[in-house]
């Protein structure tokens, strides 16, 4: 909870802006927008049942810190899985000497998300993470761990009958709990 409350409070204005932007611009506002939001939330609540408790607590902390509803933060954390936000690219260079270079652009077709990127440095579960995301987002769109693992998410989609952990949260769990590539793969097929 505390891990979420601090960034929720520090980024309160940005979180509130993204919640309004999601409701008014992306979903359209009004009756049609409210109906679309309700449909997305119905699926998001199904996904919420699979999110490990520590991440739900963190999202509650963000919601309380920013003064928004938990459902708003849940929707931000599930939106990529619910709306098929195609975009983004990554490249990895393996130079003969020196560190691996992992480059990525975060260019969703939603300009306001691109303008509100945040780099998070956190230490949790015995590992340090550096991640890129948005205010209110606990998952990992791009991240690396102190164990030398990195990843980037490009798009995902939860089909009508599909349920499970939203991909960004799953990617964070992979970086927190894995110390090598086969461990990451094991979490994916779980």
Protein backbone atom coordinates (compact mmCIF):
# COMPACT_ATOMS: atom_id res chain seq x y z
CA UNK A 1 0.00 0.00 0.00
CA UNK A 2 2.76 2.45 0.97
CA UNK A 3 4.66 1.70 -2.25
CA UNK A 4 1.66 3.06 -4.16
CA UNK A 5 0.50 5.80 -1.81
CA UNK A 6 3.64 7.92 -2.16
CA UNK A 7 3.67 8.11 -6.00
CA UNK A 8 -0.13 8.50 -5.94
CA UNK A 9 0.22 11.56 -3.71
CA UNK A 10 3.28 12.95 -5.54
CA UNK A 11 1.70 12.47 -8.97
CA UNK A 12 -1.86 13.28 -7.87
CA UNK A 13 -2.47 15.91 -10.55
CA UNK A 14 -1.11 13.67 -13.31
CA UNK A 15 -3.11 10.64 -12.14
CA UNK A 16 -6.30 12.71 -11.98
CA UNK A 17 -5.58 14.13 -15.43
CA UNK A 18 -5.15 10.63 -16.92
CA UNK A 19 -8.35 9.42 -15.25
CA UNK A 20 -10.29 12.37 -16.74
CA UNK A 21 -8.57 11.93 -20.10
CA UNK A 22 -9.47 8.24 -20.17
CA UNK A 23 -13.12 8.96 -19.35
CA UNK A 24 -13.64 12.03 -21.51
CA UNK A 25 -11.38 11.62 -24.51
CA UNK A 26 -10.71 7.94 -24.96
CA UNK A 27 -14.07 6.59 -23.90
CA UNK A 28 -16.02 9.59 -25.18
CA UNK A 29 -17.84 10.72 -22.04
CA UNK A 30 -21.60 10.93 -21.90
CA UNK A 31 -23.92 7.94 -21.93
CA UNK A 32 -22.02 6.08 -24.67
CA UNK A 33 -18.70 6.64 -22.89
CA UNK A 34 -20.15 5.50 -19.58
CA UNK A 35 -21.50 2.34 -21.24
CA UNK A 36 -18.10 1.63 -22.82
CA UNK A 37 -16.39 2.28 -19.47
CA UNK A 38 -18.78 -0.13 -17.75
CA UNK A 39 -18.01 -2.85 -20.32
CA UNK A 40 -14.26 -2.34 -19.91
CA UNK A 41 -14.58 -2.33 -16.13
CA UNK A 42 -16.55 -5.58 -16.19
CA UNK A 43 -13.60 -7.25 -17.91
CA UNK A 44 -11.07 -5.38 -15.71
CA UNK A 45 -12.78 -6.75 -12.56
CA UNK A 46 -12.42 -10.26 -14.00
CA UNK A 47 -8.69 -9.62 -14.46
CA UNK A 48 -8.46 -8.06 -10.97
CA UNK A 49 -9.31 -11.42 -9.43
CA UNK A 50 -5.99 -12.77 -10.82
CA UNK A 51 -3.78 -9.86 -9.77
CA UNK A 52 -1.58 -10.80 -6.80
CA UNK A 53 -2.69 -9.05 -3.59
CA UNK A 54 0.51 -7.00 -3.27
CA UNK A 55 -0.20 -5.23 -6.57
CA UNK A 56 -3.86 -4.67 -5.70
CA UNK A 57 -2.70 -3.12 -2.40
CA UNK A 58 -0.26 -0.91 -4.29
CA UNK A 59 -3.05 0.20 -6.66
CA UNK A 60 -5.25 1.00 -3.63
CA UNK A 61 -2.40 3.09 -2.26
CA UNK A 62 -2.15 5.01 -5.55
CA UNK A 63 -5.91 5.56 -5.60
CA UNK A 64 -5.95 6.83 -2.02
CA UNK A 65 -2.85 8.98 -2.53
CA UNK A 66 -4.29 10.56 -5.67
CA UNK A 67 -7.86 10.80 -4.36
CA UNK A 68 -9.41 8.68 -7.13
CA UNK A 69 -11.36 5.43 -7.13
CA UNK A 70 -9.64 2.05 -7.15
CA UNK A 71 -11.67 1.24 -10.29
CA UNK A 72 -9.96 4.15 -12.09
CA UNK A 73 -6.50 2.82 -11.23
CA UNK A 74 -7.55 -0.73 -12.15
CA UNK A 75 -8.71 0.50 -15.55
CA UNK A 76 -5.39 2.33 -16.14
CA UNK A 77 -3.54 -0.90 -15.31
CA UNK A 78 -5.73 -3.07 -17.55
CA UNK A 79 -6.30 -0.63 -20.42
CA UNK A 80 -3.58 -2.02 -22.68
CA UNK A 81 -5.02 -5.52 -22.35
CA UNK A 82 -8.58 -4.29 -22.96
CA UNK A 83 -8.06 -1.97 -25.92
CA UNK A 84 -5.26 -3.49 -28.02
CA UNK A 85 -2.97 -0.46 -28.06
CA UNK A 86 -0.72 -1.37 -30.95
CA UNK A 87 2.48 0.56 -31.28
CA UNK A 88 5.98 0.86 -29.88
CA UNK A 89 9.22 -0.73 -30.99
CA UNK A 90 12.29 -2.14 -29.27
CA UNK A 91 15.80 -2.89 -30.33
CA UNK A 92 18.61 -4.66 -28.51
CA UNK A 93 22.27 -4.33 -29.44
CA UNK A 94 24.85 -6.83 -28.29
CA UNK A 95 28.14 -4.99 -28.77
CA UNK A 96 31.31 -7.10 -28.79
CA UNK A 97 32.47 -5.28 -25.66
CA UNK A 98 30.45 -3.34 -23.16
CA UNK A 99 26.90 -3.54 -21.88
CA UNK A 100 23.83 -4.69 -23.75
CA UNK A 101 21.87 -1.74 -25.11
CA UNK A 102 18.08 -1.95 -24.91
CA UNK A 103 16.26 0.88 -26.69
CA UNK A 104 12.54 1.37 -26.88
CA UNK A 105 10.06 3.98 -27.98
CA UNK A 106 6.74 4.31 -26.18
CA UNK A 107 4.54 5.73 -28.90
CA UNK A 108 1.04 4.46 -28.30
CA UNK A 109 -1.56 6.11 -30.50
CA UNK A 110 -2.60 8.08 -27.41
CA UNK A 111 -0.48 11.26 -27.37
CA UNK A 112 -1.33 12.11 -23.76
CA UNK A 113 0.16 8.83 -22.56
CA UNK A 114 3.36 9.58 -24.45
CA UNK A 115 3.53 13.00 -22.79
CA UNK A 116 3.04 11.60 -19.27
CA UNK A 117 5.70 8.86 -19.12
CA UNK A 118 7.39 8.36 -15.75
CA UNK A 119 10.61 6.52 -14.92
CA UNK A 120 10.26 4.67 -11.62
CA UNK A 121 13.14 3.39 -9.53
CA UNK A 122 11.93 1.03 -6.84
CA UNK A 123 13.26 -1.66 -4.60
CA UNK A 124 10.88 -4.46 -3.79
CA UNK A 125 11.06 -8.17 -3.06
CA UNK A 126 14.85 -8.04 -2.84
CA UNK A 127 15.43 -6.56 -6.28
CA UNK A 128 15.86 -3.06 -7.67
CA UNK A 129 13.78 -2.16 -10.70
CA UNK A 130 13.87 0.71 -13.15
CA UNK A 131 10.64 0.87 -15.10
CA UNK A 132 8.89 3.18 -17.52
CA UNK A 133 5.16 3.67 -17.18
CA UNK A 134 2.49 6.23 -16.50
CA UNK A 135 1.14 7.89 -13.37
CA UNK A 136 -1.14 5.36 -11.69
CA UNK A 137 0.44 2.38 -13.45
CA UNK A 138 2.04 -0.33 -11.29
CA UNK A 139 2.95 -2.64 -14.15
CA UNK A 140 5.98 -2.60 -16.41
CA UNK A 141 5.85 -1.43 -20.00
CA UNK A 142 9.63 -1.36 -20.17
CA UNK A 143 11.86 -2.33 -17.31
CA UNK A 144 15.05 -3.87 -16.08
CA UNK A 145 16.06 -5.49 -12.84
CA UNK A 146 19.25 -5.42 -10.82
CA UNK A 147 19.53 -9.12 -11.76
CA UNK A 148 20.31 -8.13 -15.34
CA UNK A 149 16.93 -8.92 -16.88
CA UNK A 150 15.02 -6.49 -19.07
CA UNK A 151 11.83 -6.55 -21.10
CA UNK A 152 9.40 -4.38 -23.00
CA UNK A 153 5.73 -4.78 -23.73
CA UNK A 154 4.43 -3.87 -27.14
CA UNK A 155 0.80 -4.85 -27.10
CA UNK A 156 -1.56 -7.40 -25.71
CA UNK A 157 -5.23 -8.18 -25.75
CA UNK A 158 -7.51 -10.03 -23.35
CA UNK A 159 -10.09 -11.76 -25.48
CA UNK A 160 -13.65 -12.07 -24.23
CA UNK A 161 -13.11 -15.48 -22.68
CA UNK A 162 -9.52 -14.80 -21.54
CA UNK A 163 -8.72 -14.03 -17.93
CA UNK A 164 -5.48 -13.74 -16.05
CA UNK A 165 -2.99 -11.21 -14.77
CA UNK A 166 -2.83 -8.04 -16.90
CA UNK A 167 0.39 -8.17 -18.90
CA UNK A 168 2.07 -5.10 -17.37
CA UNK A 169 1.62 -6.51 -13.88
CA UNK A 170 2.78 -9.93 -15.05
CA UNK A 171 5.91 -8.33 -16.53
CA UNK A 172 6.63 -6.61 -13.23
CA UNK A 173 6.18 -9.90 -11.39
CA UNK A 174 8.59 -11.54 -13.84
CA UNK A 175 11.26 -8.89 -13.15
CA UNK A 176 10.74 -9.12 -9.39
CA UNK A 177 10.71 -12.89 -9.05
CA UNK A 178 13.01 -14.13 -11.82
CA UNK A 179 16.77 -14.26 -11.81
CA UNK A 180 17.18 -15.84 -15.23
CA UNK A 181 15.27 -16.21 -18.50
CA UNK A 182 13.78 -19.69 -17.87
CA UNK A 183 12.26 -18.32 -14.63
CA UNK A 184 10.56 -15.56 -16.62
CA UNK A 185 9.23 -18.11 -19.09
CA UNK A 186 7.87 -20.27 -16.23
CA UNK A 187 5.79 -17.34 -14.96
CA UNK A 188 4.36 -16.80 -18.45
CA UNK A 189 3.11 -20.35 -18.83
CA UNK A 190 1.86 -20.69 -15.27
